[in-house]
Amino acid sequence: MNRQNTDTAIQIQISLAEALQFDDGDLGANREGRLSENQRARLRQNWYRGLGISFGLIAFGVVAATVFLFLGWRMETVVLTLVGIALTFFNAAVVGLLAQAYLRYRGDTQAGTVIKLEGSASRTLKINERARSAAYFVKIGGQELRVNKPVFNAFHDHGVYCIYRAVISKQILSAEQINP
């Protein structure tokens, strides 16, 4: 077996715990219908990362909109003014997305409960020829879940799984195979 085939075989053998970054304590808490402290911390870390990115986009948008609006006014150019107005709307959209993310984060962590989804798994890979990208989906219990490649590879077709997800964001927190 050459090195490329060996690397692919090793990549496919990644466990669900490694792919989803959970441990036995997390799985135990999820089985009881609640978030573990590690999962709360991970959700909080994701929220802070998104908050930082959003604030960076907002700061850039405010400065850029101000510059374009000023130059449009100063040079009496409609195009620059329209770009400034478009950047202002972009900022409003980013603030709206930030508010949505906050409400999802608070909804997931405040109640601290999880949703259990159980059923046979089937994996689907969807290729977008125009964008030259792949999207990975796992269908369980009649629901199609978009996942990343390591999680996709950790599932086996026709295996029966129990998946635990966050209530509002529907983020997969942990999973276990019921019939190995």
N, C-alpha and C. Protein backbone atom coordinates (compact mmCIF):
# COMPACT_ATOMS: atom_id res chain seq x y z
N MET A 1 0.85 -1.18 0.00
CA MET A 1 0.00 0.00 0.00
C MET A 1 0.89 1.24 0.00
N ASN A 2 0.65 2.15 -0.92
CA ASN A 2 1.50 3.34 -0.96
C ASN A 2 1.09 4.33 0.13
N ARG A 3 1.88 5.37 0.29
CA ARG A 3 1.68 6.33 1.38
C ARG A 3 0.33 7.05 1.29
N GLN A 4 -0.08 7.43 0.07
CA GLN A 4 -1.35 8.15 -0.09
C GLN A 4 -2.53 7.28 0.35
N ASN A 5 -2.55 6.02 -0.03
CA ASN A 5 -3.63 5.12 0.39
C ASN A 5 -3.60 4.89 1.89
N THR A 6 -2.41 4.82 2.49
CA THR A 6 -2.29 4.65 3.94
C THR A 6 -2.84 5.87 4.65
N ASP A 7 -2.49 7.08 4.18
CA ASP A 7 -3.01 8.31 4.79
C ASP A 7 -4.52 8.37 4.71
N THR A 8 -5.09 7.97 3.57
CA THR A 8 -6.53 7.97 3.40
C THR A 8 -7.18 6.98 4.36
N ALA A 9 -6.60 5.81 4.50
CA ALA A 9 -7.15 4.80 5.41
C ALA A 9 -7.10 5.29 6.85
N ILE A 10 -6.03 5.95 7.24
CA ILE A 10 -5.93 6.48 8.60
C ILE A 10 -6.96 7.58 8.81
N GLN A 11 -7.14 8.43 7.81
CA GLN A 11 -8.10 9.53 7.92
C GLN A 11 -9.52 8.99 8.10
N ILE A 12 -9.86 7.92 7.42
CA ILE A 12 -11.20 7.35 7.51
C ILE A 12 -11.45 6.74 8.88
N GLN A 13 -10.41 6.29 9.57
CA GLN A 13 -10.56 5.61 10.83
C GLN A 13 -10.69 6.56 12.02
N ILE A 14 -10.80 7.84 11.80
CA ILE A 14 -10.99 8.80 12.89
C ILE A 14 -12.33 8.50 13.56
N SER A 15 -12.33 8.47 14.87
CA SER A 15 -13.56 8.16 15.60
C SER A 15 -14.46 9.39 15.67
N LEU A 16 -15.71 9.13 16.00
CA LEU A 16 -16.66 10.23 16.18
C LEU A 16 -16.20 11.17 17.29
N ALA A 17 -15.65 10.62 18.35
CA ALA A 17 -15.18 11.44 19.47
C ALA A 17 -14.08 12.40 19.03
N GLU A 18 -13.17 11.92 18.20
CA GLU A 18 -12.10 12.78 17.71
C GLU A 18 -12.63 13.82 16.73
N ALA A 19 -13.51 13.39 15.84
CA ALA A 19 -14.04 14.30 14.82
C ALA A 19 -14.90 15.40 15.43
N LEU A 20 -15.70 15.06 16.44
CA LEU A 20 -16.60 16.03 17.07
C LEU A 20 -16.00 16.66 18.32
N GLN A 21 -14.83 16.20 18.74
CA GLN A 21 -14.10 16.73 19.89
C GLN A 21 -14.92 16.64 21.19
N PHE A 22 -15.36 15.43 21.52
CA PHE A 22 -16.02 15.21 22.80
C PHE A 22 -15.38 14.04 23.50
N ASP A 23 -15.62 13.93 24.82
CA ASP A 23 -15.09 12.82 25.59
C ASP A 23 -16.23 12.08 26.28
N ASP A 24 -15.89 11.08 27.08
CA ASP A 24 -16.90 10.27 27.75
C ASP A 24 -17.77 11.09 28.71
N GLY A 25 -17.17 12.10 29.34
CA GLY A 25 -17.95 12.98 30.23
C GLY A 25 -19.00 13.77 29.47
N ASP A 26 -18.62 14.26 28.29
CA ASP A 26 -19.57 14.99 27.44
C ASP A 26 -20.71 14.07 27.01
N LEU A 27 -20.35 12.86 26.57
CA LEU A 27 -21.36 11.91 26.11
C LEU A 27 -22.30 11.51 27.24
N GLY A 28 -21.74 11.32 28.44
CA GLY A 28 -22.57 10.99 29.60
C GLY A 28 -23.58 12.08 29.93
N ALA A 29 -23.13 13.32 29.90
CA ALA A 29 -24.03 14.45 30.16
C ALA A 29 -25.10 14.53 29.08
N ASN A 30 -24.72 14.31 27.82
CA ASN A 30 -25.69 14.35 26.73
C ASN A 30 -26.72 13.24 26.86
N ARG A 31 -26.31 12.07 27.30
CA ARG A 31 -27.26 10.98 27.51
C ARG A 31 -28.30 11.34 28.56
N GLU A 32 -27.90 12.19 29.52
CA GLU A 32 -28.82 12.67 30.56
C GLU A 32 -29.66 13.85 30.07
N GLY A 33 -29.42 14.30 28.83
CA GLY A 33 -30.21 15.38 28.25
C GLY A 33 -29.70 16.77 28.54
N ARG A 34 -28.43 16.89 28.92
CA ARG A 34 -27.89 18.21 29.26
C ARG A 34 -26.51 18.42 28.64
N LEU A 35 -26.10 19.68 28.57
CA LEU A 35 -24.76 20.03 28.10
C LEU A 35 -23.74 19.78 29.20
N SER A 36 -22.55 19.37 28.81
CA SER A 36 -21.46 19.27 29.79
C SER A 36 -20.79 20.64 29.90
N GLU A 37 -19.97 20.80 30.93
CA GLU A 37 -19.24 22.07 31.10
C GLU A 37 -18.26 22.29 29.95
N ASN A 38 -17.64 21.22 29.46
CA ASN A 38 -16.72 21.36 28.31
C ASN A 38 -17.46 21.85 27.08
N GLN A 39 -18.66 21.35 26.86
CA GLN A 39 -19.44 21.78 25.70
C GLN A 39 -19.90 23.22 25.85
N ARG A 40 -20.27 23.61 27.06
CA ARG A 40 -20.62 25.03 27.29
C ARG A 40 -19.42 25.92 26.98
N ALA A 41 -18.24 25.49 27.43
CA ALA A 41 -17.03 26.27 27.19
C ALA A 41 -16.73 26.34 25.69
N ARG A 42 -16.92 25.23 24.96
CA ARG A 42 -16.67 25.23 23.52
C ARG A 42 -17.67 26.14 22.79
N LEU A 43 -18.95 26.10 23.19
CA LEU A 43 -19.94 27.00 22.60
C LEU A 43 -19.58 28.46 22.89
N ARG A 44 -19.12 28.73 24.12
CA ARG A 44 -18.72 30.09 24.49
C ARG A 44 -17.51 30.53 23.66
N GLN A 45 -16.55 29.62 23.47
CA GLN A 45 -15.36 29.93 22.67
C GLN A 45 -15.76 30.23 21.23
N ASN A 46 -16.67 29.45 20.65
CA ASN A 46 -17.16 29.71 19.29
C ASN A 46 -17.85 31.07 19.22
N TRP A 47 -18.62 31.40 20.26
CA TRP A 47 -19.31 32.70 20.31
C TRP A 47 -18.30 33.83 20.32
N TYR A 48 -17.26 33.73 21.16
CA TYR A 48 -16.25 34.78 21.24
C TYR A 48 -15.48 34.93 19.93
N ARG A 49 -15.19 33.82 19.27
CA ARG A 49 -14.51 33.88 17.97
C ARG A 49 -15.39 34.61 16.95
N GLY A 50 -16.66 34.25 16.90
CA GLY A 50 -17.59 34.93 15.99
C GLY A 50 -17.75 36.40 16.33
N LEU A 51 -17.75 36.70 17.63
CA LEU A 51 -17.86 38.08 18.09
C LEU A 51 -16.66 38.91 17.61
N GLY A 52 -15.46 38.34 17.73
CA GLY A 52 -14.26 39.03 17.27
C GLY A 52 -14.28 39.29 15.77
N ILE A 53 -14.68 38.27 15.01
CA ILE A 53 -14.76 38.43 13.56
C ILE A 53 -15.80 39.48 13.20
N SER A 54 -16.95 39.44 13.87
CA SER A 54 -18.02 40.40 13.59
C SER A 54 -17.57 41.82 13.91
N PHE A 55 -16.92 42.01 15.06
CA PHE A 55 -16.46 43.36 15.40
C PHE A 55 -15.42 43.86 14.41
N GLY A 56 -14.57 42.96 13.92
CA GLY A 56 -13.60 43.35 12.90
C GLY A 56 -14.29 43.79 11.62
N LEU A 57 -15.30 43.03 11.19
CA LEU A 57 -16.05 43.40 9.99
C LEU A 57 -16.80 44.71 10.19
N ILE A 58 -17.39 44.88 11.35
CA ILE A 58 -18.13 46.11 11.63
C ILE A 58 -17.20 47.32 11.63
N ALA A 59 -16.04 47.18 12.29
CA ALA A 59 -15.08 48.29 12.34
C ALA A 59 -14.61 48.65 10.93
N PHE A 60 -14.28 47.62 10.13
CA PHE A 60 -13.88 47.88 8.74
C PHE A 60 -15.01 48.56 7.98
N GLY A 61 -16.23 48.05 8.15
CA GLY A 61 -17.38 48.61 7.43
C GLY A 61 -17.64 50.06 7.79
N VAL A 62 -17.52 50.39 9.08
CA VAL A 62 -17.76 51.77 9.52
C VAL A 62 -16.71 52.71 8.93
N VAL A 63 -15.44 52.30 9.01
CA VAL A 63 -14.37 53.16 8.47
C VAL A 63 -14.52 53.30 6.96
N ALA A 64 -14.74 52.19 6.27
CA ALA A 64 -14.86 52.24 4.81
C ALA A 64 -16.08 53.05 4.38
N ALA A 65 -17.22 52.84 5.05
CA ALA A 65 -18.43 53.61 4.70
C ALA A 65 -18.20 55.09 4.93
N THR A 66 -17.56 55.44 6.04
CA THR A 66 -17.28 56.84 6.34
C THR A 66 -16.39 57.46 5.27
N VAL A 67 -15.35 56.74 4.89
CA VAL A 67 -14.42 57.26 3.87
C VAL A 67 -15.14 57.46 2.54
N PHE A 68 -15.91 56.44 2.11
CA PHE A 68 -16.60 56.56 0.82
C PHE A 68 -17.68 57.65 0.85
N LEU A 69 -18.41 57.74 1.95
CA LEU A 69 -19.43 58.80 2.03
C LEU A 69 -18.78 60.18 2.03
N PHE A 70 -17.68 60.32 2.75
CA PHE A 70 -16.97 61.60 2.79
C PHE A 70 -16.44 61.95 1.40
N LEU A 71 -15.77 60.97 0.74
CA LEU A 71 -15.22 61.25 -0.58
C LEU A 71 -16.33 61.52 -1.60
N GLY A 72 -17.43 60.81 -1.48
CA GLY A 72 -18.56 61.06 -2.38
C GLY A 72 -19.13 62.45 -2.20
N TRP A 73 -19.22 62.88 -0.96
CA TRP A 73 -19.73 64.23 -0.68
C TRP A 73 -18.73 65.28 -1.12
N ARG A 74 -17.45 65.07 -0.80
CA ARG A 74 -16.41 66.04 -1.09
C ARG A 74 -16.17 66.20 -2.59
N MET A 75 -16.18 65.08 -3.32
CA MET A 75 -15.91 65.10 -4.75
C MET A 75 -17.19 65.17 -5.56
N GLU A 76 -18.32 65.20 -4.88
CA GLU A 76 -19.63 65.23 -5.52
C GLU A 76 -19.77 64.11 -6.54
N THR A 77 -19.42 62.88 -6.10
CA THR A 77 -19.49 61.70 -6.95
C THR A 77 -20.56 60.76 -6.41
N VAL A 78 -21.54 60.48 -7.23
CA VAL A 78 -22.66 59.63 -6.83
C VAL A 78 -22.19 58.20 -6.58
N VAL A 79 -21.28 57.71 -7.38
CA VAL A 79 -20.81 56.33 -7.25
C VAL A 79 -20.18 56.09 -5.88
N LEU A 80 -19.32 56.98 -5.44
CA LEU A 80 -18.69 56.82 -4.13
C LEU A 80 -19.71 56.90 -3.01
N THR A 81 -20.68 57.77 -3.16
CA THR A 81 -21.75 57.87 -2.16
C THR A 81 -22.56 56.58 -2.10
N LEU A 82 -22.86 56.01 -3.26
CA LEU A 82 -23.61 54.75 -3.29
C LEU A 82 -22.81 53.60 -2.68
N VAL A 83 -21.50 53.59 -2.89
CA VAL A 83 -20.66 52.56 -2.26
C VAL A 83 -20.70 52.73 -0.74
N GLY A 84 -20.64 53.95 -0.26
CA GLY A 84 -20.73 54.22 1.17
C GLY A 84 -22.06 53.77 1.74
N ILE A 85 -23.13 54.01 1.02
CA ILE A 85 -24.47 53.58 1.47
C ILE A 85 -24.55 52.05 1.48
N ALA A 86 -23.99 51.41 0.46
CA ALA A 86 -23.99 49.94 0.40
C ALA A 86 -23.20 49.36 1.58
N LEU A 87 -22.08 49.97 1.92
CA LEU A 87 -21.30 49.50 3.07
C LEU A 87 -22.06 49.69 4.38
N THR A 88 -22.87 50.73 4.46
CA THR A 88 -23.70 50.94 5.65
C THR A 88 -24.73 49.82 5.78
N PHE A 89 -25.34 49.42 4.66
CA PHE A 89 -26.27 48.29 4.70
C PHE A 89 -25.55 46.98 5.03
N PHE A 90 -24.33 46.82 4.52
CA PHE A 90 -23.52 45.65 4.87
C PHE A 90 -23.31 45.59 6.38
N ASN A 91 -22.98 46.72 6.98
CA ASN A 91 -22.79 46.78 8.43
C ASN A 91 -24.06 46.38 9.17
N ALA A 92 -25.19 46.85 8.69
CA ALA A 92 -26.46 46.50 9.34
C ALA A 92 -26.70 45.00 9.26
N ALA A 93 -26.36 44.39 8.13
CA ALA A 93 -26.53 42.94 7.98
C ALA A 93 -25.62 42.19 8.94
N VAL A 94 -24.37 42.64 9.09
CA VAL A 94 -23.44 41.99 10.02
C VAL A 94 -23.94 42.10 11.45
N VAL A 95 -24.46 43.26 11.83
CA VAL A 95 -25.02 43.42 13.18
C VAL A 95 -26.21 42.49 13.38
N GLY A 96 -27.05 42.33 12.36
CA GLY A 96 -28.19 41.40 12.45
C GLY A 96 -27.73 39.96 12.61
N LEU A 97 -26.72 39.56 11.86
CA LEU A 97 -26.17 38.21 11.99
C LEU A 97 -25.53 38.00 13.36
N LEU A 98 -24.88 39.02 13.88
CA LEU A 98 -24.30 38.95 15.21
C LEU A 98 -25.38 38.76 16.27
N ALA A 99 -26.48 39.48 16.13
CA ALA A 99 -27.60 39.33 17.07
C ALA A 99 -28.18 37.93 17.00
N GLN A 100 -28.33 37.38 15.79
CA GLN A 100 -28.82 36.01 15.64
C GLN A 100 -27.89 35.02 16.33
N ALA A 101 -26.59 35.18 16.12
CA ALA A 101 -25.62 34.27 16.71
C ALA A 101 -25.68 34.34 18.23
N TYR A 102 -25.85 35.55 18.76
CA TYR A 102 -25.95 35.70 20.22
C TYR A 102 -27.20 35.00 20.76
N LEU A 103 -28.32 35.17 20.08
CA LEU A 103 -29.55 34.53 20.53
C LEU A 103 -29.45 33.01 20.46
N ARG A 104 -28.78 32.48 19.45
CA ARG A 104 -28.57 31.03 19.36
C ARG A 104 -27.68 30.55 20.51
N TYR A 105 -26.59 31.29 20.75
CA TYR A 105 -25.67 30.93 21.83
C TYR A 105 -26.39 30.94 23.18
N ARG A 106 -27.12 32.01 23.45
CA ARG A 106 -27.84 32.11 24.74
C ARG A 106 -28.91 31.03 24.85
N GLY A 107 -29.62 30.76 23.78
CA GLY A 107 -30.65 29.72 23.80
C GLY A 107 -30.06 28.35 24.06
N ASP A 108 -28.89 28.07 23.50
CA ASP A 108 -28.25 26.77 23.70
C ASP A 108 -27.69 26.62 25.12
N THR A 109 -27.07 27.67 25.64
CA THR A 109 -26.39 27.54 26.93
C THR A 109 -27.28 27.83 28.12
N GLN A 110 -28.29 28.66 27.96
CA GLN A 110 -29.13 29.02 29.10
C GLN A 110 -29.94 27.82 29.59
N ALA A 111 -30.61 27.13 28.69
CA ALA A 111 -31.39 25.97 29.08
C ALA A 111 -30.47 24.79 29.39
N GLY A 112 -29.41 24.66 28.62
CA GLY A 112 -28.43 23.61 28.85
C GLY A 112 -28.91 22.22 28.49
N THR A 113 -29.93 22.13 27.65
CA THR A 113 -30.44 20.83 27.24
C THR A 113 -29.97 20.48 25.83
N VAL A 114 -30.10 19.20 25.49
CA VAL A 114 -29.71 18.74 24.16
C VAL A 114 -30.87 17.98 23.53
N ILE A 115 -30.82 17.89 22.21
CA ILE A 115 -31.81 17.14 21.44
C ILE A 115 -31.17 15.81 21.04
N LYS A 116 -31.92 14.75 21.18
CA LYS A 116 -31.45 13.42 20.79
C LYS A 116 -32.07 13.05 19.46
N LEU A 117 -31.25 12.62 18.53
CA LEU A 117 -31.69 12.19 17.21
C LEU A 117 -31.13 10.79 16.97
N GLU A 118 -32.00 9.85 16.63
CA GLU A 118 -31.58 8.46 16.51
C GLU A 118 -32.08 7.87 15.20
N GLY A 119 -31.24 7.04 14.57
CA GLY A 119 -31.66 6.37 13.35
C GLY A 119 -30.49 5.85 12.55
N SER A 120 -30.81 5.26 11.41
CA SER A 120 -29.82 4.72 10.50
C SER A 120 -29.18 5.86 9.72
N ALA A 121 -27.88 5.77 9.53
CA ALA A 121 -27.13 6.85 8.86
C ALA A 121 -26.91 6.53 7.39
N SER A 122 -27.05 7.55 6.58
CA SER A 122 -26.62 7.46 5.19
C SER A 122 -25.85 8.74 4.87
N ARG A 123 -24.73 8.57 4.18
CA ARG A 123 -23.87 9.70 3.88
C ARG A 123 -24.06 10.12 2.42
N THR A 124 -24.01 11.44 2.20
CA THR A 124 -24.14 11.97 0.85
C THR A 124 -23.08 13.05 0.64
N LEU A 125 -22.39 12.94 -0.46
CA LEU A 125 -21.41 13.94 -0.86
C LEU A 125 -21.98 14.70 -2.04
N LYS A 126 -22.12 16.02 -1.91
CA LYS A 126 -22.66 16.84 -2.99
C LYS A 126 -21.54 17.73 -3.52
N ILE A 127 -21.30 17.61 -4.82
CA ILE A 127 -20.23 18.37 -5.47
C ILE A 127 -20.85 19.55 -6.21
N ASN A 128 -20.31 20.73 -6.00
CA ASN A 128 -20.70 21.92 -6.74
C ASN A 128 -19.63 22.16 -7.80
N GLU A 129 -19.97 21.84 -9.03
CA GLU A 129 -19.00 21.95 -10.13
C GLU A 129 -18.54 23.38 -10.35
N ARG A 130 -19.46 24.33 -10.26
CA ARG A 130 -19.10 25.73 -10.51
C ARG A 130 -18.14 26.26 -9.47
N ALA A 131 -18.40 25.96 -8.21
CA ALA A 131 -17.56 26.47 -7.14
C ALA A 131 -16.38 25.55 -6.85
N ARG A 132 -16.39 24.36 -7.46
CA ARG A 132 -15.35 23.36 -7.23
C ARG A 132 -15.19 23.07 -5.74
N SER A 133 -16.32 22.81 -5.11
CA SER A 133 -16.30 22.52 -3.68
C SER A 133 -17.21 21.33 -3.39
N ALA A 134 -17.00 20.74 -2.24
CA ALA A 134 -17.79 19.59 -1.81
C ALA A 134 -18.53 19.93 -0.53
N ALA A 135 -19.74 19.41 -0.40
CA ALA A 135 -20.52 19.55 0.82
C ALA A 135 -20.83 18.14 1.33
N TYR A 136 -20.63 17.94 2.61
CA TYR A 136 -20.80 16.62 3.21
C TYR A 136 -22.07 16.61 4.05
N PHE A 137 -22.91 15.59 3.85
CA PHE A 137 -24.17 15.46 4.57
C PHE A 137 -24.31 14.06 5.15
N VAL A 138 -24.87 13.99 6.35
CA VAL A 138 -25.24 12.72 6.96
C VAL A 138 -26.72 12.80 7.26
N LYS A 139 -27.47 11.81 6.77
CA LYS A 139 -28.91 11.78 6.99
C LYS A 139 -29.20 10.75 8.07
N ILE A 140 -29.84 11.21 9.15
CA ILE A 140 -30.19 10.34 10.28
C ILE A 140 -31.59 10.71 10.74
N GLY A 141 -32.41 9.71 10.91
CA GLY A 141 -33.77 9.95 11.42
C GLY A 141 -34.56 10.90 10.55
N GLY A 142 -34.35 10.87 9.24
CA GLY A 142 -35.09 11.72 8.33
C GLY A 142 -34.58 13.14 8.25
N GLN A 143 -33.51 13.47 8.98
CA GLN A 143 -32.95 14.82 8.95
C GLN A 143 -31.56 14.79 8.32
N GLU A 144 -31.35 15.70 7.39
CA GLU A 144 -30.06 15.79 6.71
C GLU A 144 -29.22 16.84 7.43
N LEU A 145 -28.05 16.43 7.90
CA LEU A 145 -27.17 17.30 8.66
C LEU A 145 -25.91 17.58 7.85
N ARG A 146 -25.58 18.86 7.70
CA ARG A 146 -24.34 19.21 7.01
C ARG A 146 -23.21 19.10 8.03
N VAL A 147 -22.15 18.38 7.65
CA VAL A 147 -21.02 18.15 8.54
C VAL A 147 -19.73 18.42 7.79
N ASN A 148 -18.63 18.48 8.53
CA ASN A 148 -17.34 18.64 7.87
C ASN A 148 -16.79 17.26 7.47
N LYS A 149 -15.70 17.25 6.76
CA LYS A 149 -15.17 16.00 6.20
C LYS A 149 -14.77 14.98 7.27
N PRO A 150 -14.08 15.37 8.34
CA PRO A 150 -13.73 14.37 9.36
C PRO A 150 -14.96 13.72 10.00
N VAL A 151 -16.00 14.50 10.25
CA VAL A 151 -17.23 13.93 10.83
C VAL A 151 -17.89 13.01 9.81
N PHE A 152 -17.94 13.43 8.57
CA PHE A 152 -18.50 12.62 7.48
C PHE A 152 -17.81 11.26 7.42
N ASN A 153 -16.48 11.27 7.50
CA ASN A 153 -15.71 10.03 7.42
C ASN A 153 -15.87 9.15 8.66
N ALA A 154 -16.22 9.73 9.79
CA ALA A 154 -16.37 8.96 11.03
C ALA A 154 -17.68 8.15 11.04
N PHE A 155 -18.66 8.56 10.27
CA PHE A 155 -19.93 7.83 10.19
C PHE A 155 -19.81 6.70 9.17
N HIS A 156 -20.57 5.63 9.39
CA HIS A 156 -20.62 4.51 8.44
C HIS A 156 -22.04 4.40 7.92
N ASP A 157 -22.16 4.19 6.61
CA ASP A 157 -23.49 4.03 6.01
C ASP A 157 -24.21 2.86 6.64
N HIS A 158 -25.49 3.03 6.87
CA HIS A 158 -26.42 2.04 7.40
C HIS A 158 -26.15 1.66 8.85
N GLY A 159 -25.22 2.32 9.52
CA GLY A 159 -25.03 2.11 10.95
C GLY A 159 -26.11 2.88 11.69
N VAL A 160 -26.52 2.39 12.84
CA VAL A 160 -27.53 3.09 13.64
C VAL A 160 -26.80 3.94 14.67
N TYR A 161 -27.14 5.22 14.69
CA TYR A 161 -26.45 6.19 15.55
C TYR A 161 -27.44 6.95 16.42
N CYS A 162 -26.90 7.46 17.51
CA CYS A 162 -27.63 8.40 18.36
C CYS A 162 -26.79 9.67 18.38
N ILE A 163 -27.39 10.77 17.93
CA ILE A 163 -26.69 12.04 17.85
C ILE A 163 -27.31 13.00 18.86
N TYR A 164 -26.47 13.75 19.54
CA TYR A 164 -26.93 14.76 20.49
C TYR A 164 -26.56 16.13 19.93
N ARG A 165 -27.58 17.00 19.82
CA ARG A 165 -27.39 18.32 19.21
C ARG A 165 -27.85 19.42 20.15
N ALA A 166 -27.30 20.61 19.94
CA ALA A 166 -27.75 21.79 20.68
C ALA A 166 -29.17 22.14 20.24
N VAL A 167 -29.96 22.66 21.17
CA VAL A 167 -31.39 22.89 20.93
C VAL A 167 -31.65 23.94 19.85
N ILE A 168 -31.03 25.08 19.92
CA ILE A 168 -31.33 26.19 19.01
C ILE A 168 -30.44 26.14 17.76
N SER A 169 -29.14 26.05 17.93
CA SER A 169 -28.23 26.09 16.79
C SER A 169 -28.17 24.77 16.03
N LYS A 170 -28.63 23.70 16.64
CA LYS A 170 -28.63 22.36 16.05
C LYS A 170 -27.21 21.84 15.78
N GLN A 171 -26.22 22.41 16.46
CA GLN A 171 -24.84 21.98 16.32
C GLN A 171 -24.69 20.59 16.94
N ILE A 172 -24.02 19.69 16.22
CA ILE A 172 -23.80 18.34 16.74
C ILE A 172 -22.75 18.41 17.85
N LEU A 173 -23.12 17.92 19.02
CA LEU A 173 -22.22 17.96 20.18
C LEU A 173 -21.51 16.64 20.40
N SER A 174 -22.22 15.54 20.24
CA SER A 174 -21.64 14.21 20.39
C SER A 174 -22.50 13.21 19.64
N ALA A 175 -21.95 12.01 19.45
CA ALA A 175 -22.68 10.97 18.74
C ALA A 175 -22.10 9.62 19.15
N GLU A 176 -22.92 8.60 19.05
CA GLU A 176 -22.44 7.24 19.33
C GLU A 176 -23.14 6.27 18.40
N GLN A 177 -22.41 5.24 18.04
CA GLN A 177 -22.99 4.21 17.19
C GLN A 177 -23.66 3.18 18.10
N ILE A 178 -24.92 2.88 17.80
CA ILE A 178 -25.69 1.97 18.64
C ILE A 178 -25.40 0.52 18.29
N ASN A 179 -25.31 0.19 17.00
CA ASN A 179 -25.00 -1.18 16.59
C ASN A 179 -23.71 -1.20 15.77
N PRO A 180 -22.58 -1.44 16.41
CA PRO A 180 -21.29 -1.40 15.70
C PRO A 180 -21.14 -2.47 14.65
